[in-house]
Amino acid sequence: MNLRLIGIGAGVLIILSLPLAGAIAGPDIAGQDDGKGGGLLSTLGLSNAPRAASAPPSGPAAVSGRGRPGPGPAEQPRTDSSCGPEVSSPHGVEAQTCVLVGEGRTWGRSYYRNTSGRALDAVLSVMGPAGRTVQIRCAVGAGDEPGLCETPRDDSAGAPESYSAVAEFAVPDDEGELLLRSGSNSPAPSDG
């Protein structure tokens, strides 16, 4: 009789663990949507994240945990970029400069790393059609951590290829020694 009771108990445990095993195998544990219907926490009803319905909704609205239509995830606006090559100086400065275009706006961005051992100034300029120029000065701290300098976003006034950006990294003193210049349309460095 004890073996029969143990067998029945094991069968019940297996049946009860199947939904949990399916939830663990599909979605990730952090509750992020992986395109398979929601995370483990939302599948088990333990988070505020919306649960997916068994059939996809017939419209753009998603189904919330209570079965009512709710807003779907917001679409991220498309951003195009035109970047020059990564360049470095023997003084310990590395940079890559880009022109970005999105939602009818254009701006410049320079990614950098400063291992020179001293704080620097960076001046990032974006040049556009009809002599339009936007410029910003960024303080570049000493250290190995990557950083970025970015101009304000301005209404686009022409085709993306009519814009270019240049970042100049210099010592912030009276002499202003230029250590590196990085451009969005610079040619790739040659190995010669």
C-alpha atoms as a PDB file:
ATOM      1  CA  MET A   1       0.000   0.000   0.000  1.00  0.00           C
ATOM      2  CA  ASN A   2       2.869   2.407   0.683  1.00  0.00           C
ATOM      3  CA  LEU A   3       4.295   1.821  -2.814  1.00  0.00           C
ATOM      4  CA  ARG A   4       0.932   2.639  -4.367  1.00  0.00           C
ATOM      5  CA  LEU A   5       0.700   5.890  -2.380  1.00  0.00           C
ATOM      6  CA  ILE A   6       4.268   6.838  -3.338  1.00  0.00           C
ATOM      7  CA  GLY A   7       3.498   6.144  -7.035  1.00  0.00           C
ATOM      8  CA  ILE A   8       0.370   8.283  -6.963  1.00  0.00           C
ATOM      9  CA  GLY A   9       2.232  11.105  -5.185  1.00  0.00           C
ATOM     10  CA  ALA A  10       5.065  10.982  -7.741  1.00  0.00           C
ATOM     11  CA  GLY A  11       2.552  11.100 -10.608  1.00  0.00           C
ATOM     12  CA  VAL A  12       0.811  14.128  -9.117  1.00  0.00           C
ATOM     13  CA  LEU A  13       4.167  15.913  -8.665  1.00  0.00           C
ATOM     14  CA  ILE A  14       5.128  15.242 -12.281  1.00  0.00           C
ATOM     15  CA  ILE A  15       1.798  16.537 -13.572  1.00  0.00           C
ATOM     16  CA  LEU A  16       2.003  19.664 -11.392  1.00  0.00           C
ATOM     17  CA  SER A  17       5.617  20.378 -12.406  1.00  0.00           C
ATOM     18  CA  LEU A  18       4.999  20.251 -16.196  1.00  0.00           C
ATOM     19  CA  PRO A  19       3.686  23.862 -16.474  1.00  0.00           C
ATOM     20  CA  LEU A  20       6.606  25.083 -14.352  1.00  0.00           C
ATOM     21  CA  ALA A  21       9.129  23.158 -16.479  1.00  0.00           C
ATOM     22  CA  GLY A  22       7.617  24.621 -19.655  1.00  0.00           C
ATOM     23  CA  ALA A  23       7.797  28.126 -18.221  1.00  0.00           C
ATOM     24  CA  ILE A  24      11.437  27.684 -17.258  1.00  0.00           C
ATOM     25  CA  ALA A  25      12.444  26.172 -20.604  1.00  0.00           C
ATOM     26  CA  GLY A  26      10.885  28.927 -22.757  1.00  0.00           C
ATOM     27  CA  PRO A  27      11.234  32.390 -21.224  1.00  0.00           C
ATOM     28  CA  ASP A  28      14.190  33.648 -19.255  1.00  0.00           C
ATOM     29  CA  ILE A  29      14.148  33.927 -15.466  1.00  0.00           C
ATOM     30  CA  ALA A  30      14.487  37.724 -15.378  1.00  0.00           C
ATOM     31  CA  GLY A  31      10.972  38.126 -16.751  1.00  0.00           C
ATOM     32  CA  GLN A  32      12.096  39.538 -20.080  1.00  0.00           C
ATOM     33  CA  ASP A  33       9.968  38.798 -23.121  1.00  0.00           C
ATOM     34  CA  ASP A  34      11.890  36.535 -25.451  1.00  0.00           C
ATOM     35  CA  GLY A  35       9.177  36.389 -28.078  1.00  0.00           C
ATOM     36  CA  LYS A  36       7.745  33.137 -26.688  1.00  0.00           C
ATOM     37  CA  GLY A  37       5.050  34.574 -24.474  1.00  0.00           C
ATOM     38  CA  GLY A  38       6.604  36.258 -21.436  1.00  0.00           C
ATOM     39  CA  GLY A  39       9.087  35.609 -18.678  1.00  0.00           C
ATOM     40  CA  LEU A  40       8.927  33.080 -15.885  1.00  0.00           C
ATOM     41  CA  LEU A  41       7.700  35.579 -13.299  1.00  0.00           C
ATOM     42  CA  SER A  42       4.863  36.842 -15.488  1.00  0.00           C
ATOM     43  CA  THR A  43       3.932  33.268 -16.512  1.00  0.00           C
ATOM     44  CA  LEU A  44       3.531  32.387 -12.866  1.00  0.00           C
ATOM     45  CA  GLY A  45       1.578  35.605 -12.196  1.00  0.00           C
ATOM     46  CA  LEU A  46       4.278  36.950  -9.868  1.00  0.00           C
ATOM     47  CA  SER A  47       5.115  40.201 -11.676  1.00  0.00           C
ATOM     48  CA  ASN A  48       3.263  43.211 -12.998  1.00  0.00           C
ATOM     49  CA  ALA A  49       4.495  42.487 -16.524  1.00  0.00           C
ATOM     50  CA  PRO A  50       1.721  41.706 -18.998  1.00  0.00           C
ATOM     51  CA  ARG A  51       1.142  38.049 -19.774  1.00  0.00           C
ATOM     52  CA  ALA A  52       0.784  36.855 -23.330  1.00  0.00           C
ATOM     53  CA  ALA A  53      -2.480  35.299 -24.411  1.00  0.00           C
ATOM     54  CA  SER A  54      -2.553  31.805 -25.879  1.00  0.00           C
ATOM     55  CA  ALA A  55      -3.453  33.279 -29.291  1.00  0.00           C
ATOM     56  CA  PRO A  56      -1.958  36.499 -30.642  1.00  0.00           C
ATOM     57  CA  PRO A  57      -4.248  39.540 -30.424  1.00  0.00           C
ATOM     58  CA  SER A  58      -5.971  40.558 -33.635  1.00  0.00           C
ATOM     59  CA  GLY A  59      -4.915  44.200 -33.439  1.00  0.00           C
ATOM     60  CA  PRO A  60      -1.952  46.343 -32.399  1.00  0.00           C
ATOM     61  CA  ALA A  61      -2.915  46.202 -28.728  1.00  0.00           C
ATOM     62  CA  ALA A  62      -1.375  43.586 -26.477  1.00  0.00           C
ATOM     63  CA  VAL A  63      -3.352  41.530 -23.961  1.00  0.00           C
ATOM     64  CA  SER A  64      -2.715  42.440 -20.342  1.00  0.00           C
ATOM     65  CA  GLY A  65      -2.754  40.046 -17.396  1.00  0.00           C
ATOM     66  CA  ARG A  66      -6.496  40.634 -16.869  1.00  0.00           C
ATOM     67  CA  GLY A  67      -7.428  39.924 -20.511  1.00  0.00           C
ATOM     68  CA  ARG A  68      -8.147  43.554 -21.449  1.00  0.00           C
ATOM     69  CA  PRO A  69      -6.414  45.190 -24.406  1.00  0.00           C
ATOM     70  CA  GLY A  70      -3.484  47.347 -23.365  1.00  0.00           C
ATOM     71  CA  PRO A  71      -0.911  49.390 -25.219  1.00  0.00           C
ATOM     72  CA  GLY A  72       1.815  47.456 -27.002  1.00  0.00           C
ATOM     73  CA  PRO A  73       5.506  48.245 -26.640  1.00  0.00           C
ATOM     74  CA  ALA A  74       6.510  51.599 -28.065  1.00  0.00           C
ATOM     75  CA  GLU A  75       8.502  51.378 -31.267  1.00  0.00           C
ATOM     76  CA  GLN A  76      11.981  52.846 -31.053  1.00  0.00           C
ATOM     77  CA  PRO A  77      12.646  55.534 -33.648  1.00  0.00           C
ATOM     78  CA  ARG A  78      15.144  54.606 -36.327  1.00  0.00           C
ATOM     79  CA  THR A  79      18.541  56.303 -36.074  1.00  0.00           C
ATOM     80  CA  ASP A  80      21.021  56.134 -38.927  1.00  0.00           C
ATOM     81  CA  SER A  81      24.702  56.872 -38.448  1.00  0.00           C
ATOM     82  CA  SER A  82      27.689  57.656 -40.595  1.00  0.00           C
ATOM     83  CA  CYS A  83      30.912  57.032 -38.677  1.00  0.00           C
ATOM     84  CA  GLY A  84      34.535  57.504 -39.488  1.00  0.00           C
ATOM     85  CA  PRO A  85      37.164  54.960 -38.475  1.00  0.00           C
ATOM     86  CA  GLU A  86      38.411  54.463 -34.935  1.00  0.00           C
ATOM     87  CA  VAL A  87      41.609  56.493 -34.606  1.00  0.00           C
ATOM     88  CA  SER A  88      44.195  56.731 -31.843  1.00  0.00           C
ATOM     89  CA  SER A  89      47.150  58.924 -30.978  1.00  0.00           C
ATOM     90  CA  PRO A  90      50.484  57.966 -29.427  1.00  0.00           C
ATOM     91  CA  HIS A  91      49.444  60.220 -26.507  1.00  0.00           C
ATOM     92  CA  GLY A  92      46.805  57.700 -25.331  1.00  0.00           C
ATOM     93  CA  VAL A  93      43.602  59.074 -26.858  1.00  0.00           C
ATOM     94  CA  GLU A  94      41.248  56.942 -28.981  1.00  0.00           C
ATOM     95  CA  ALA A  95      38.088  58.194 -30.690  1.00  0.00           C
ATOM     96  CA  GLN A  96      35.449  57.525 -33.307  1.00  0.00           C
ATOM     97  CA  THR A  97      33.161  60.303 -34.533  1.00  0.00           C
ATOM     98  CA  CYS A  98      29.729  59.931 -36.127  1.00  0.00           C
ATOM     99  CA  VAL A  99      26.881  61.923 -37.624  1.00  0.00           C
ATOM    100  CA  LEU A 100      23.492  60.585 -36.481  1.00  0.00           C
ATOM    101  CA  VAL A 101      20.120  61.198 -38.129  1.00  0.00           C
ATOM    102  CA  GLY A 102      16.731  60.312 -36.683  1.00  0.00           C
ATOM    103  CA  GLU A 103      13.194  61.715 -36.497  1.00  0.00           C
ATOM    104  CA  GLY A 104      14.097  64.618 -38.791  1.00  0.00           C
ATOM    105  CA  ARG A 105      17.029  65.704 -36.611  1.00  0.00           C
ATOM    106  CA  THR A 106      20.792  65.530 -37.072  1.00  0.00           C
ATOM    107  CA  TRP A 107      23.537  65.563 -34.432  1.00  0.00           C
ATOM    108  CA  GLY A 108      27.138  64.556 -33.851  1.00  0.00           C
ATOM    109  CA  ARG A 109      28.615  62.091 -31.397  1.00  0.00           C
ATOM    110  CA  SER A 110      32.194  61.159 -30.587  1.00  0.00           C
ATOM    111  CA  TYR A 111      33.041  58.025 -28.626  1.00  0.00           C
ATOM    112  CA  TYR A 112      36.394  58.276 -26.859  1.00  0.00           C
ATOM    113  CA  ARG A 113      38.798  56.764 -24.368  1.00  0.00           C
ATOM    114  CA  ASN A 114      41.474  58.872 -22.682  1.00  0.00           C
ATOM    115  CA  THR A 115      44.433  56.966 -21.235  1.00  0.00           C
ATOM    116  CA  SER A 116      46.808  59.951 -21.474  1.00  0.00           C
ATOM    117  CA  GLY A 117      46.817  60.392 -17.702  1.00  0.00           C
ATOM    118  CA  ARG A 118      45.501  63.972 -17.812  1.00  0.00           C
ATOM    119  CA  ALA A 119      42.181  65.706 -18.315  1.00  0.00           C
ATOM    120  CA  LEU A 120      41.529  66.995 -21.838  1.00  0.00           C
ATOM    121  CA  ASP A 121      39.115  69.246 -23.688  1.00  0.00           C
ATOM    122  CA  ALA A 122      37.162  67.967 -26.663  1.00  0.00           C
ATOM    123  CA  VAL A 123      35.469  70.202 -29.213  1.00  0.00           C
ATOM    124  CA  LEU A 124      32.871  68.444 -31.371  1.00  0.00           C
ATOM    125  CA  SER A 125      31.605  70.274 -34.458  1.00  0.00           C
ATOM    126  CA  VAL A 126      28.854  69.226 -36.873  1.00  0.00           C
ATOM    127  CA  MET A 127      28.908  70.965 -40.243  1.00  0.00           C
ATOM    128  CA  GLY A 128      25.854  70.897 -42.481  1.00  0.00           C
ATOM    129  CA  PRO A 129      24.558  72.401 -45.694  1.00  0.00           C
ATOM    130  CA  ALA A 130      24.482  76.191 -46.213  1.00  0.00           C
ATOM    131  CA  GLY A 131      27.266  76.757 -43.684  1.00  0.00           C
ATOM    132  CA  ARG A 132      25.273  75.482 -40.699  1.00  0.00           C
ATOM    133  CA  THR A 133      27.544  74.508 -37.807  1.00  0.00           C
ATOM    134  CA  VAL A 134      26.789  73.239 -34.304  1.00  0.00           C
ATOM    135  CA  GLN A 135      29.659  73.011 -31.828  1.00  0.00           C
ATOM    136  CA  ILE A 136      30.020  71.811 -28.249  1.00  0.00           C
ATOM    137  CA  ARG A 137      32.921  71.600 -25.804  1.00  0.00           C
ATOM    138  CA  CYS A 138      33.194  68.519 -23.574  1.00  0.00           C
ATOM    139  CA  ALA A 139      35.453  67.905 -20.590  1.00  0.00           C
ATOM    140  CA  VAL A 140      37.274  64.591 -21.004  1.00  0.00           C
ATOM    141  CA  GLY A 141      38.407  63.122 -17.700  1.00  0.00           C
ATOM    142  CA  ALA A 142      41.611  61.134 -17.319  1.00  0.00           C
ATOM    143  CA  GLY A 143      41.062  57.395 -17.072  1.00  0.00           C
ATOM    144  CA  ASP A 144      40.452  54.260 -19.059  1.00  0.00           C
ATOM    145  CA  GLU A 145      36.639  54.450 -19.008  1.00  0.00           C
ATOM    146  CA  PRO A 146      34.994  55.071 -22.384  1.00  0.00           C
ATOM    147  CA  GLY A 147      32.902  58.198 -22.768  1.00  0.00           C
ATOM    148  CA  LEU A 148      31.036  60.219 -25.332  1.00  0.00           C
ATOM    149  CA  CYS A 149      30.603  63.809 -26.378  1.00  0.00           C
ATOM    150  CA  GLU A 150      27.386  64.707 -28.206  1.00  0.00           C
ATOM    151  CA  THR A 151      26.043  67.894 -29.796  1.00  0.00           C
ATOM    152  CA  PRO A 152      22.446  68.984 -29.361  1.00  0.00           C
ATOM    153  CA  ARG A 153      20.020  67.563 -31.930  1.00  0.00           C
ATOM    154  CA  ASP A 154      19.104  70.075 -34.619  1.00  0.00           C
ATOM    155  CA  ASP A 155      16.446  69.966 -37.330  1.00  0.00           C
ATOM    156  CA  SER A 156      17.856  68.338 -40.463  1.00  0.00           C
ATOM    157  CA  ALA A 157      18.307  70.724 -43.373  1.00  0.00           C
ATOM    158  CA  GLY A 158      19.526  68.411 -46.102  1.00  0.00           C
ATOM    159  CA  ALA A 159      20.518  64.901 -47.003  1.00  0.00           C
ATOM    160  CA  PRO A 160      22.415  62.944 -44.322  1.00  0.00           C
ATOM    161  CA  GLU A 161      25.510  62.750 -46.546  1.00  0.00           C
ATOM    162  CA  SER A 162      25.692  66.577 -46.599  1.00  0.00           C
ATOM    163  CA  TYR A 163      26.686  66.551 -42.905  1.00  0.00           C
ATOM    164  CA  SER A 164      30.061  65.823 -41.322  1.00  0.00           C
ATOM    165  CA  ALA A 165      31.418  65.904 -37.786  1.00  0.00           C
ATOM    166  CA  VAL A 166      34.901  66.483 -36.374  1.00  0.00           C
ATOM    167  CA  ALA A 167      36.117  66.023 -32.796  1.00  0.00           C
ATOM    168  CA  GLU A 168      39.401  67.531 -31.620  1.00  0.00           C
ATOM    169  CA  PHE A 169      41.013  66.458 -28.347  1.00  0.00           C
ATOM    170  CA  ALA A 170      43.505  68.905 -26.837  1.00  0.00           C
ATOM    171  CA  VAL A 171      45.348  69.762 -23.623  1.00  0.00           C
ATOM    172  CA  PRO A 172      43.329  72.450 -21.789  1.00  0.00           C
ATOM    173  CA  ASP A 173      46.022  75.074 -21.267  1.00  0.00           C
ATOM    174  CA  ASP A 174      47.315  78.192 -23.009  1.00  0.00           C
ATOM    175  CA  GLU A 175      49.086  76.156 -25.676  1.00  0.00           C
ATOM    176  CA  GLY A 176      46.124  73.848 -26.352  1.00  0.00           C
ATOM    177  CA  GLU A 177      48.272  71.090 -27.842  1.00  0.00           C
ATOM    178  CA  LEU A 178      46.115  69.050 -30.243  1.00  0.00           C
ATOM    179  CA  LEU A 179      46.420  65.340 -29.417  1.00  0.00           C
ATOM    180  CA  LEU A 180      43.857  63.812 -31.787  1.00  0.00           C
ATOM    181  CA  ARG A 181      41.408  64.765 -34.535  1.00  0.00           C
ATOM    182  CA  SER A 182      38.622  62.330 -35.438  1.00  0.00           C
ATOM    183  CA  GLY A 183      36.132  62.828 -38.271  1.00  0.00           C
ATOM    184  CA  SER A 184      32.920  61.183 -39.403  1.00  0.00           C
ATOM    185  CA  ASN A 185      34.123  61.069 -43.004  1.00  0.00           C
ATOM    186  CA  SER A 186      37.826  60.477 -42.419  1.00  0.00           C
ATOM    187  CA  PRO A 187      39.480  57.835 -44.586  1.00  0.00           C
ATOM    188  CA  ALA A 188      40.395  54.604 -42.840  1.00  0.00           C
ATOM    189  CA  PRO A 189      44.021  54.602 -41.664  1.00  0.00           C
ATOM    190  CA  SER A 190      46.337  52.701 -43.991  1.00  0.00           C
ATOM    191  CA  ASP A 191      48.890  50.128 -42.868  1.00  0.00           C
ATOM    192  CA  GLY A 192      51.666  51.773 -44.874  1.00  0.00           C
END
